N, C-alpha and C. Protein backbone atom coordinates (compact mmCIF):
# COMPACT_ATOMS: atom_id res chain seq x y z
N MET A 1 196.47 -52.07 97.00
CA MET A 1 196.71 -51.00 97.24
C MET A 1 196.14 -49.75 97.30
N LYS A 2 195.00 -49.53 96.55
CA LYS A 2 194.13 -48.49 96.79
C LYS A 2 193.47 -48.66 97.98
N LYS A 3 193.19 -49.74 98.65
CA LYS A 3 192.61 -49.83 99.95
C LYS A 3 193.44 -49.03 101.08
N ILE A 4 194.83 -49.41 101.05
CA ILE A 4 195.90 -49.00 101.93
C ILE A 4 195.74 -47.59 101.64
N ALA A 5 195.80 -47.13 100.37
CA ALA A 5 196.01 -45.47 100.11
C ALA A 5 194.87 -44.96 100.75
N ARG A 6 193.55 -45.25 100.55
CA ARG A 6 192.12 -44.57 101.46
C ARG A 6 192.29 -44.59 102.71
N LEU A 7 192.52 -45.90 103.21
CA LEU A 7 193.16 -45.67 104.67
C LEU A 7 194.02 -44.74 105.38
N HIS A 8 194.86 -44.36 104.86
CA HIS A 8 195.91 -43.58 105.25
C HIS A 8 195.25 -42.32 104.92
N GLN A 9 194.58 -41.88 104.05
CA GLN A 9 193.68 -40.53 103.99
C GLN A 9 192.78 -40.34 104.93
N ILE A 10 191.97 -41.32 105.19
CA ILE A 10 191.13 -41.23 106.61
C ILE A 10 191.53 -41.00 107.84
N GLN A 11 192.57 -41.70 108.16
CA GLN A 11 193.03 -41.76 109.49
C GLN A 11 193.55 -40.55 110.17
N PRO A 12 193.97 -39.31 109.57
CA PRO A 12 193.86 -38.26 109.97
C PRO A 12 192.56 -37.46 110.27
N ARG A 13 191.66 -37.65 109.54
CA ARG A 13 190.41 -37.01 110.06
C ARG A 13 189.77 -37.77 110.90
N VAL A 14 190.03 -39.17 111.25
CA VAL A 14 189.43 -39.72 112.17
C VAL A 14 189.96 -39.44 113.56
N LEU A 15 191.16 -39.12 113.18
CA LEU A 15 192.09 -38.80 114.54
C LEU A 15 191.73 -37.17 115.22
N VAL A 16 191.75 -36.39 114.22
CA VAL A 16 191.36 -35.24 114.43
C VAL A 16 189.74 -35.10 115.18
N THR A 17 188.80 -35.74 114.74
CA THR A 17 187.63 -36.12 115.08
C THR A 17 187.48 -36.67 116.47
N THR A 18 188.21 -37.60 116.70
CA THR A 18 188.48 -38.30 118.04
C THR A 18 188.97 -37.37 118.96
N ILE A 19 189.95 -36.28 118.65
CA ILE A 19 190.60 -35.29 119.58
C ILE A 19 189.69 -34.55 119.74
N GLY A 20 188.89 -33.92 119.02
CA GLY A 20 188.07 -32.90 119.06
C GLY A 20 186.85 -33.32 119.83
N LEU A 21 186.08 -34.45 119.99
CA LEU A 21 184.82 -35.15 120.47
C LEU A 21 185.46 -35.10 121.84
N GLY A 22 186.92 -35.93 122.21
CA GLY A 22 187.48 -35.92 123.63
C GLY A 22 187.39 -34.56 124.34
N VAL A 23 187.96 -33.42 123.48
CA VAL A 23 188.11 -32.34 124.18
C VAL A 23 186.74 -31.69 124.28
N LEU A 24 185.80 -32.04 123.51
CA LEU A 24 184.17 -31.51 123.79
C LEU A 24 183.64 -31.86 125.06
N LEU A 25 183.97 -33.48 125.26
CA LEU A 25 183.19 -34.27 126.33
C LEU A 25 184.11 -33.92 127.79
N LEU A 26 185.61 -33.59 127.35
CA LEU A 26 186.07 -33.02 128.71
C LEU A 26 185.66 -31.57 129.18
N ALA A 27 185.54 -30.83 128.20
CA ALA A 27 184.95 -29.37 128.45
C ALA A 27 183.62 -29.29 128.99
N SER A 28 182.64 -30.27 128.44
CA SER A 28 181.24 -30.50 129.08
C SER A 28 181.27 -30.97 130.50
N PHE A 29 182.02 -32.18 130.84
CA PHE A 29 182.30 -32.42 132.23
C PHE A 29 182.78 -31.55 133.22
N THR A 30 183.88 -30.62 132.55
CA THR A 30 184.44 -29.65 133.58
C THR A 30 183.25 -28.69 133.73
N PHE A 31 182.42 -27.83 132.72
CA PHE A 31 181.51 -27.08 132.83
C PHE A 31 180.20 -27.60 133.53
N PHE A 32 179.98 -28.87 133.82
CA PHE A 32 178.40 -29.06 134.17
C PHE A 32 178.93 -30.04 135.65
N LEU A 33 180.08 -30.44 135.85
CA LEU A 33 180.19 -31.74 137.02
C LEU A 33 181.58 -31.27 137.83
N PHE A 34 182.24 -30.31 137.45
CA PHE A 34 183.35 -29.95 138.31
C PHE A 34 183.49 -28.78 138.99
N ASP A 35 183.34 -29.01 140.49
CA ASP A 35 183.38 -27.53 140.85
C ASP A 35 184.70 -27.02 141.24
N ILE A 36 185.01 -26.08 140.66
CA ILE A 36 186.30 -25.22 140.37
C ILE A 36 186.28 -23.71 140.70
N LEU A 37 184.92 -23.15 141.17
CA LEU A 37 184.82 -21.74 141.09
C LEU A 37 184.31 -21.65 142.29
N LYS A 38 184.89 -20.46 143.16
CA LYS A 38 184.45 -20.32 144.59
C LYS A 38 183.70 -19.18 144.38
N ILE A 39 182.43 -19.21 144.71
CA ILE A 39 181.34 -18.34 144.53
C ILE A 39 180.80 -17.64 145.93
N ARG A 40 181.04 -18.15 147.17
CA ARG A 40 180.80 -17.43 148.22
C ARG A 40 181.88 -18.19 149.48
N VAL A 41 181.97 -17.03 150.54
CA VAL A 41 182.73 -17.65 151.66
C VAL A 41 181.96 -17.41 152.68
N ILE A 42 181.69 -18.86 153.53
CA ILE A 42 181.13 -18.64 154.70
C ILE A 42 181.48 -17.93 155.79
N ASN A 43 181.08 -17.02 156.41
CA ASN A 43 181.91 -16.34 157.33
C ASN A 43 181.33 -17.20 158.63
N VAL A 44 181.70 -18.16 159.04
CA VAL A 44 181.46 -19.16 159.89
C VAL A 44 181.22 -18.30 161.21
N ASP A 45 182.24 -17.48 161.80
CA ASP A 45 182.33 -16.81 163.24
C ASP A 45 180.91 -15.93 163.01
N ASN A 46 180.95 -14.93 161.89
CA ASN A 46 179.51 -14.20 161.87
C ASN A 46 178.27 -15.02 162.04
N ALA A 47 178.27 -16.23 161.73
CA ALA A 47 177.01 -16.96 161.37
C ALA A 47 176.89 -17.47 163.15
N ARG A 48 177.77 -17.77 163.54
CA ARG A 48 178.11 -18.13 165.14
C ARG A 48 177.32 -17.14 165.86
N ARG A 49 178.00 -15.89 165.48
CA ARG A 49 177.42 -15.25 166.50
C ARG A 49 175.95 -14.58 166.45
N ILE A 50 175.60 -14.56 165.26
CA ILE A 50 174.18 -14.53 165.01
C ILE A 50 173.30 -15.28 165.53
N LEU A 51 173.41 -16.67 165.64
CA LEU A 51 172.92 -17.85 166.16
C LEU A 51 172.90 -17.92 167.63
N ALA A 52 174.06 -17.36 168.01
CA ALA A 52 173.78 -17.32 169.29
C ALA A 52 172.96 -16.15 170.16
N GLU A 53 173.12 -14.73 169.30
CA GLU A 53 172.33 -13.77 169.64
C GLU A 53 170.63 -14.41 169.36
N GLN A 54 170.54 -14.93 168.52
CA GLN A 54 169.18 -15.53 167.97
C GLN A 54 168.60 -16.40 169.34
N LYS A 55 169.46 -17.48 169.49
CA LYS A 55 169.09 -18.28 170.65
C LYS A 55 169.04 -17.68 172.00
N ARG A 56 169.57 -16.69 172.26
CA ARG A 56 169.68 -15.86 173.61
C ARG A 56 168.15 -14.92 173.40
N LYS A 57 168.03 -14.51 172.51
CA LYS A 57 166.55 -13.46 172.24
C LYS A 57 165.56 -14.30 172.14
N GLU A 58 165.73 -15.51 171.85
CA GLU A 58 164.26 -16.54 171.85
C GLU A 58 164.21 -17.26 173.12
N ASN A 59 165.28 -17.36 173.87
CA ASN A 59 165.26 -17.94 174.90
C ASN A 59 165.43 -19.48 174.86
N ASN A 60 165.77 -19.78 173.53
CA ASN A 60 165.71 -21.14 172.76
C ASN A 60 166.89 -22.23 173.32
N ASN A 61 166.90 -22.78 174.34
CA ASN A 61 168.13 -23.53 174.70
C ASN A 61 168.52 -24.64 174.40
N PHE A 62 167.28 -25.28 173.66
CA PHE A 62 167.07 -26.50 173.21
C PHE A 62 166.89 -26.90 171.96
N GLY A 63 166.31 -25.68 171.00
CA GLY A 63 165.68 -25.80 169.91
C GLY A 63 167.06 -25.43 169.04
N ILE A 64 166.78 -25.66 167.50
CA ILE A 64 167.46 -25.56 166.54
C ILE A 64 167.35 -24.19 165.94
N SER A 65 168.41 -23.01 165.90
CA SER A 65 168.41 -21.92 165.33
C SER A 65 168.60 -21.99 163.90
N LYS A 66 168.09 -21.09 163.01
CA LYS A 66 168.60 -21.23 161.51
C LYS A 66 168.67 -19.71 161.00
N ILE A 67 169.56 -19.49 160.14
CA ILE A 67 169.69 -18.07 159.38
C ILE A 67 169.73 -18.35 158.04
N ALA A 68 169.42 -17.63 157.09
CA ALA A 68 169.65 -17.61 155.72
C ALA A 68 170.23 -16.41 155.28
N PHE A 69 171.13 -16.68 154.44
CA PHE A 69 172.13 -15.52 153.89
C PHE A 69 171.98 -15.49 152.16
N GLN A 70 171.30 -14.47 151.45
CA GLN A 70 171.05 -14.41 150.35
C GLN A 70 172.21 -13.85 149.48
N GLN A 71 173.20 -13.18 150.35
CA GLN A 71 174.39 -12.51 149.90
C GLN A 71 175.57 -13.08 150.53
N GLY A 72 176.81 -13.17 149.85
CA GLY A 72 177.85 -13.64 150.52
C GLY A 72 178.91 -12.64 150.15
N SER A 73 179.98 -12.77 150.47
CA SER A 73 181.39 -11.91 149.86
C SER A 73 181.29 -12.21 148.57
N ASN A 74 182.04 -11.07 147.82
CA ASN A 74 181.87 -11.06 146.46
C ASN A 74 183.47 -11.17 145.90
N ASN A 75 184.18 -12.11 146.50
CA ASN A 75 185.22 -12.53 145.93
C ASN A 75 185.09 -13.86 144.87
N LYS A 76 184.35 -14.02 144.11
CA LYS A 76 184.05 -14.94 143.15
C LYS A 76 185.38 -15.44 142.16
N GLY A 77 185.48 -16.93 141.85
CA GLY A 77 186.45 -16.91 140.72
C GLY A 77 187.28 -18.31 140.93
N LEU A 78 188.26 -18.55 140.51
CA LEU A 78 188.80 -19.80 140.50
C LEU A 78 189.71 -20.02 141.70
N ASP A 79 189.70 -20.99 142.53
CA ASP A 79 190.05 -21.19 143.75
C ASP A 79 190.40 -22.49 143.95
N LEU A 80 191.66 -22.91 144.12
CA LEU A 80 192.30 -24.25 144.36
C LEU A 80 191.61 -24.89 145.49
N ARG A 81 191.08 -24.35 146.34
CA ARG A 81 190.37 -25.00 147.53
C ARG A 81 189.39 -25.65 147.28
N CYS A 82 188.79 -25.54 145.99
CA CYS A 82 187.57 -25.95 145.82
C CYS A 82 188.13 -27.66 145.31
N LEU A 83 189.26 -27.88 145.01
CA LEU A 83 189.69 -29.05 144.71
C LEU A 83 190.06 -29.89 145.58
N ASN A 84 190.78 -29.35 146.72
CA ASN A 84 191.34 -29.87 147.76
C ASN A 84 190.93 -30.02 148.87
N TRP A 85 189.76 -28.97 149.41
CA TRP A 85 189.43 -29.19 150.55
C TRP A 85 188.21 -30.13 150.67
N SER A 86 187.62 -30.65 152.03
CA SER A 86 186.53 -31.76 152.37
C SER A 86 185.61 -31.05 152.06
N SER A 87 184.67 -32.42 151.98
CA SER A 87 183.16 -32.12 151.99
C SER A 87 182.17 -33.20 152.96
N LYS A 88 181.15 -32.61 153.14
CA LYS A 88 180.33 -33.91 153.77
C LYS A 88 179.10 -33.86 153.32
N GLN A 89 178.59 -34.14 152.19
CA GLN A 89 177.05 -34.17 152.10
C GLN A 89 176.05 -34.86 152.90
N LEU A 90 174.90 -34.64 153.13
CA LEU A 90 173.98 -35.34 154.03
C LEU A 90 172.86 -35.51 153.45
N TYR A 91 172.50 -34.82 152.65
CA TYR A 91 171.27 -35.21 152.03
C TYR A 91 170.86 -34.04 150.81
N ASN A 92 170.01 -34.31 149.86
CA ASN A 92 169.53 -33.31 148.82
C ASN A 92 168.12 -33.80 148.52
N GLY A 93 167.48 -32.86 147.90
CA GLY A 93 166.37 -33.08 147.28
C GLY A 93 165.28 -31.79 146.86
N TRP A 94 163.97 -31.81 147.01
CA TRP A 94 163.24 -30.85 146.33
C TRP A 94 162.25 -30.44 147.79
N SER A 95 162.35 -29.01 147.85
CA SER A 95 161.48 -28.51 148.78
C SER A 95 159.96 -28.40 148.61
N ASN A 96 159.11 -29.06 149.48
CA ASN A 96 157.68 -28.85 149.43
C ASN A 96 156.94 -27.84 149.91
N ILE A 97 157.38 -26.30 149.77
CA ILE A 97 156.89 -25.51 150.14
C ILE A 97 156.18 -24.68 148.96
N GLY A 98 154.81 -24.48 148.94
CA GLY A 98 153.98 -23.96 148.12
C GLY A 98 154.32 -24.56 146.68
N LYS A 99 154.03 -23.66 145.68
CA LYS A 99 154.13 -24.16 144.27
C LYS A 99 155.52 -24.19 143.45
N ASP A 100 156.17 -23.36 144.18
CA ASP A 100 157.49 -23.11 143.58
C ASP A 100 158.48 -23.82 144.59
N HIS A 101 158.90 -25.08 143.93
CA HIS A 101 159.88 -26.01 144.64
C HIS A 101 161.33 -25.72 144.36
N ASP A 102 162.07 -25.62 145.34
CA ASP A 102 163.55 -25.00 145.13
C ASP A 102 164.35 -26.43 145.63
N PHE A 103 165.37 -26.50 144.76
CA PHE A 103 166.51 -27.95 144.92
C PHE A 103 167.37 -27.33 145.97
N PHE A 104 167.57 -28.15 147.03
CA PHE A 104 168.50 -27.79 148.06
C PHE A 104 169.58 -29.01 148.43
N ILE A 105 170.54 -28.62 148.87
CA ILE A 105 171.59 -29.71 149.04
C ILE A 105 172.13 -29.20 150.81
N ASP A 106 172.11 -30.43 151.76
CA ASP A 106 172.48 -30.20 152.93
C ASP A 106 173.81 -30.53 153.19
N TYR A 107 174.90 -29.82 154.00
CA TYR A 107 176.24 -30.49 154.33
C TYR A 107 176.39 -29.95 155.79
N TYR A 108 177.31 -31.06 156.07
CA TYR A 108 177.55 -30.60 157.69
C TYR A 108 179.16 -30.03 157.65
N LEU A 109 179.02 -28.77 158.74
CA LEU A 109 180.70 -28.15 158.83
C LEU A 109 180.80 -28.28 160.06
N PRO A 110 182.06 -29.23 160.34
CA PRO A 110 182.51 -29.27 161.43
C PRO A 110 182.90 -27.98 162.36
N SER A 111 183.04 -28.14 163.76
CA SER A 111 183.31 -26.86 164.20
C SER A 111 184.78 -26.53 164.03
N GLY A 112 185.01 -25.03 164.30
CA GLY A 112 186.50 -24.74 163.90
C GLY A 112 187.10 -24.69 162.71
N LYS A 113 186.12 -24.85 161.40
CA LYS A 113 186.61 -24.87 160.39
C LYS A 113 186.15 -23.50 159.50
N LYS A 114 186.97 -23.20 158.42
CA LYS A 114 187.00 -22.28 157.63
C LYS A 114 186.21 -22.93 156.27
N ALA A 115 185.19 -21.92 155.57
CA ALA A 115 184.11 -23.00 154.65
C ALA A 115 184.13 -22.00 153.62
N ILE A 116 183.98 -22.61 152.35
CA ILE A 116 183.65 -21.79 151.17
C ILE A 116 182.42 -22.64 150.69
N ILE A 117 181.64 -21.97 149.50
CA ILE A 117 180.89 -22.57 148.59
C ILE A 117 181.18 -22.53 147.18
N CYS A 118 181.56 -23.73 146.63
CA CYS A 118 182.13 -23.67 145.41
C CYS A 118 181.01 -24.44 144.30
N THR A 119 181.14 -23.95 143.11
CA THR A 119 180.19 -24.32 142.27
C THR A 119 180.69 -24.61 140.78
N THR A 120 180.17 -25.02 139.96
CA THR A 120 180.48 -25.69 138.77
C THR A 120 180.61 -24.20 137.80
N PRO A 121 181.42 -24.33 136.64
CA PRO A 121 181.24 -23.04 135.79
C PRO A 121 179.53 -22.72 135.21
N ALA A 122 178.87 -24.10 135.24
CA ALA A 122 177.77 -23.71 134.67
C ALA A 122 176.89 -23.18 135.42
N LEU A 123 176.75 -23.25 136.94
CA LEU A 123 176.03 -22.51 137.56
C LEU A 123 176.32 -21.13 137.90
N ALA A 124 177.53 -20.98 137.86
CA ALA A 124 178.14 -19.78 138.14
C ALA A 124 177.71 -18.68 136.79
N THR A 125 177.64 -19.27 135.74
CA THR A 125 177.25 -18.55 134.68
C THR A 125 175.97 -18.28 134.73
N ALA A 126 174.91 -19.42 134.90
CA ALA A 126 173.33 -19.18 135.09
C ALA A 126 173.09 -18.23 136.00
N LEU A 127 173.76 -17.93 137.14
CA LEU A 127 173.74 -17.27 138.35
C LEU A 127 174.15 -15.62 137.81
N ALA A 128 174.97 -15.63 137.02
CA ALA A 128 175.52 -14.40 136.51
C ALA A 128 174.75 -13.90 135.49
N ALA A 129 174.06 -14.55 134.54
CA ALA A 129 173.22 -14.38 133.44
C ALA A 129 171.78 -13.99 133.91
N ASN A 130 171.07 -14.67 135.10
CA ASN A 130 169.75 -14.62 135.30
C ASN A 130 169.80 -14.28 136.79
N SER A 131 169.48 -12.80 136.65
CA SER A 131 169.37 -12.36 138.26
C SER A 131 167.99 -12.63 138.78
N LYS A 132 167.24 -13.38 138.37
CA LYS A 132 165.82 -13.99 139.01
C LYS A 132 166.28 -15.02 139.80
N THR A 133 167.59 -16.01 139.27
CA THR A 133 167.72 -17.26 139.68
C THR A 133 168.13 -16.92 141.24
N ARG A 134 167.40 -17.49 141.81
CA ARG A 134 167.93 -17.35 143.57
C ARG A 134 168.74 -18.21 144.08
N PHE A 135 169.80 -17.85 144.69
CA PHE A 135 170.91 -18.91 145.49
C PHE A 135 171.01 -18.25 146.87
N LEU A 136 170.81 -18.85 147.73
CA LEU A 136 170.86 -18.61 149.05
C LEU A 136 171.49 -19.79 150.07
N TYR A 137 172.08 -19.63 150.99
CA TYR A 137 172.27 -20.52 152.09
C TYR A 137 171.93 -20.54 153.15
N GLU A 138 171.42 -21.60 153.93
CA GLU A 138 171.01 -21.41 155.47
C GLU A 138 172.08 -22.03 156.10
N VAL A 139 172.33 -21.65 157.57
CA VAL A 139 173.14 -22.08 158.34
C VAL A 139 172.21 -22.16 159.83
N SER A 140 172.58 -23.62 160.06
CA SER A 140 171.77 -23.73 161.45
C SER A 140 172.68 -24.56 162.28
N THR A 141 172.54 -24.43 163.77
CA THR A 141 173.02 -25.31 164.76
C THR A 141 172.74 -26.72 164.56
N THR A 142 173.64 -27.68 165.14
CA THR A 142 173.39 -29.21 165.23
C THR A 142 173.19 -29.38 166.75
N GLU A 143 172.46 -30.52 167.03
CA GLU A 143 172.15 -30.98 168.11
C GLU A 143 173.24 -31.58 169.23
N LEU A 144 174.08 -32.17 168.47
CA LEU A 144 174.95 -33.19 168.94
C LEU A 144 176.41 -32.36 169.41
N ASP A 145 177.09 -31.82 168.55
CA ASP A 145 178.10 -30.95 168.61
C ASP A 145 178.25 -29.48 168.29
N ASP A 146 179.55 -29.03 168.21
CA ASP A 146 179.74 -27.77 168.07
C ASP A 146 179.46 -27.12 166.22
N GLY A 147 179.40 -28.27 165.54
CA GLY A 147 179.11 -28.06 164.02
C GLY A 147 178.18 -27.44 163.49
N LEU A 148 177.59 -27.21 162.28
CA LEU A 148 176.88 -26.50 161.53
C LEU A 148 176.27 -27.35 160.52
N TYR A 149 175.08 -27.03 160.40
CA TYR A 149 174.60 -27.35 159.11
C TYR A 149 174.34 -26.45 158.18
N VAL A 150 174.89 -26.48 156.64
CA VAL A 150 174.45 -25.63 155.90
C VAL A 150 173.87 -26.20 154.58
N ARG A 151 172.73 -25.33 154.40
CA ARG A 151 172.07 -25.65 153.49
C ARG A 151 171.68 -24.95 152.21
N ILE A 152 172.23 -25.65 150.90
CA ILE A 152 172.44 -24.46 149.80
C ILE A 152 170.94 -24.84 149.28
N VAL A 153 170.53 -23.60 148.76
CA VAL A 153 169.22 -23.61 148.04
C VAL A 153 169.38 -22.96 146.68
N VAL A 154 168.89 -23.56 145.87
CA VAL A 154 169.05 -23.07 144.28
C VAL A 154 167.77 -23.45 143.67
N GLY A 155 167.19 -22.06 143.31
CA GLY A 155 165.91 -22.21 142.86
C GLY A 155 165.70 -22.36 141.35
N LEU A 156 165.84 -23.86 141.26
CA LEU A 156 165.66 -24.36 139.81
C LEU A 156 164.43 -25.16 139.60
N SER A 157 163.28 -24.48 139.81
CA SER A 157 161.95 -25.23 139.68
C SER A 157 161.90 -25.68 138.31
N GLU A 158 162.32 -24.95 137.43
CA GLU A 158 162.07 -25.15 135.77
C GLU A 158 162.69 -26.93 135.35
N VAL A 159 163.85 -27.22 135.99
CA VAL A 159 164.37 -28.37 135.96
C VAL A 159 163.40 -29.44 136.51
N ARG A 160 162.69 -29.19 137.62
CA ARG A 160 161.80 -30.32 138.41
C ARG A 160 160.63 -30.37 137.13
N GLU A 161 159.98 -29.61 136.77
CA GLU A 161 158.93 -29.61 135.87
C GLU A 161 159.34 -30.34 134.54
N THR A 162 160.54 -30.10 134.09
CA THR A 162 161.00 -30.68 132.71
C THR A 162 161.35 -32.04 133.26
N CYS A 163 162.09 -32.64 134.18
CA CYS A 163 162.10 -34.07 134.46
C CYS A 163 160.67 -34.57 134.66
N LYS A 164 159.98 -33.98 135.48
CA LYS A 164 158.30 -34.62 135.48
C LYS A 164 157.95 -34.92 134.11
N LEU A 165 158.14 -33.96 133.30
CA LEU A 165 157.11 -33.95 132.02
C LEU A 165 158.05 -34.99 131.09
N ILE A 166 159.41 -35.30 131.01
CA ILE A 166 160.22 -36.17 130.20
C ILE A 166 159.94 -37.80 130.63
N THR A 167 160.27 -37.64 132.41
CA THR A 167 160.45 -39.16 132.74
C THR A 167 159.26 -39.54 133.63
N GLY A 168 158.60 -38.45 133.88
CA GLY A 168 157.53 -38.87 135.08
C GLY A 168 157.96 -38.80 136.56
N SER A 169 159.40 -38.65 136.90
CA SER A 169 160.00 -38.44 137.99
C SER A 169 160.53 -37.19 138.06
N VAL A 170 160.26 -36.21 139.16
CA VAL A 170 160.73 -34.96 139.36
C VAL A 170 162.62 -35.05 139.90
N ASP A 171 163.00 -36.35 140.01
CA ASP A 171 164.15 -36.51 140.69
C ASP A 171 165.44 -37.18 139.34
N CYS A 172 164.96 -36.82 138.10
CA CYS A 172 166.11 -37.51 137.05
C CYS A 172 167.01 -36.72 137.07
N LEU A 173 167.35 -35.68 137.41
CA LEU A 173 168.71 -35.02 137.19
C LEU A 173 169.18 -34.68 138.65
N ASN A 174 168.72 -34.96 139.58
CA ASN A 174 169.33 -34.62 140.94
C ASN A 174 170.66 -34.99 141.12
N SER A 175 171.34 -36.22 140.54
CA SER A 175 172.67 -36.54 140.81
C SER A 175 173.47 -35.47 139.63
N ILE A 176 173.13 -34.79 138.89
CA ILE A 176 173.84 -33.44 138.44
C ILE A 176 173.55 -32.52 139.33
N LEU A 177 172.46 -31.80 139.49
CA LEU A 177 172.08 -30.67 140.37
C LEU A 177 172.87 -30.86 141.93
N MET A 178 173.19 -31.81 142.47
CA MET A 178 173.88 -31.80 143.79
C MET A 178 175.35 -31.43 143.64
N ARG A 179 175.81 -31.64 142.01
CA ARG A 179 177.02 -31.26 142.32
C ARG A 179 177.31 -29.99 141.75
N GLN A 180 176.22 -28.93 141.27
CA GLN A 180 176.59 -27.93 141.20
C GLN A 180 177.17 -26.85 142.12
N ALA A 181 176.33 -27.26 143.53
CA ALA A 181 177.18 -26.09 144.47
C ALA A 181 177.77 -27.17 145.74
N ILE A 182 178.84 -27.01 146.36
CA ILE A 182 179.57 -27.89 147.25
C ILE A 182 180.16 -26.91 148.40
N VAL A 183 179.62 -27.60 149.39
CA VAL A 183 180.31 -26.52 150.57
C VAL A 183 181.60 -27.35 151.06
N LYS A 184 182.89 -26.48 151.03
CA LYS A 184 184.11 -27.29 151.31
C LYS A 184 184.58 -26.49 152.42
N TYR A 185 185.12 -27.37 153.48
CA TYR A 185 185.69 -26.91 154.46
C TYR A 185 187.11 -27.36 154.35
N GLU A 186 188.12 -26.57 155.27
CA GLU A 186 189.35 -26.90 155.46
C GLU A 186 189.73 -28.27 156.11
N PRO A 187 190.84 -29.06 155.31
CA PRO A 187 190.83 -30.45 156.42
C PRO A 187 191.50 -29.97 157.65
């Protein structure tokens, strides 16, 4: 009888602990791995106009033009398009320019589609809290069709060095970093 009475007393604590841990894990998953916040709207028409002018000025009919944007439209916040619009990631990795290596993610944007850049709450918080953290995106033309390549560059060289110290590989957190910012386009 005493054993049954003790189990009955423990069960509510176990249940509360389990629910609490479940909510904490779900919140962590949403904060670090779920892209629900719109941080930038990619003005595709403006990018195409600038690329066409650049191509005309350089008389570069066969080369690939590229432009970089450090600022975007200022309409940040929760956006349901981040959940249901399409995305096509091509590649991700670390830049090899100088000593400061930046993490980048390449996306393909089909022609005639509107696009936004969605981020996780973790990256949005980091960008808002630290003005030194760079966030920019580059738009370039494709060779085969009228689509665009969009490269998101996030200056997180501290993560690279930490990974290298702990695991010996600079790529230990790439799977988490590549989910931090995603280019979404209308279906």
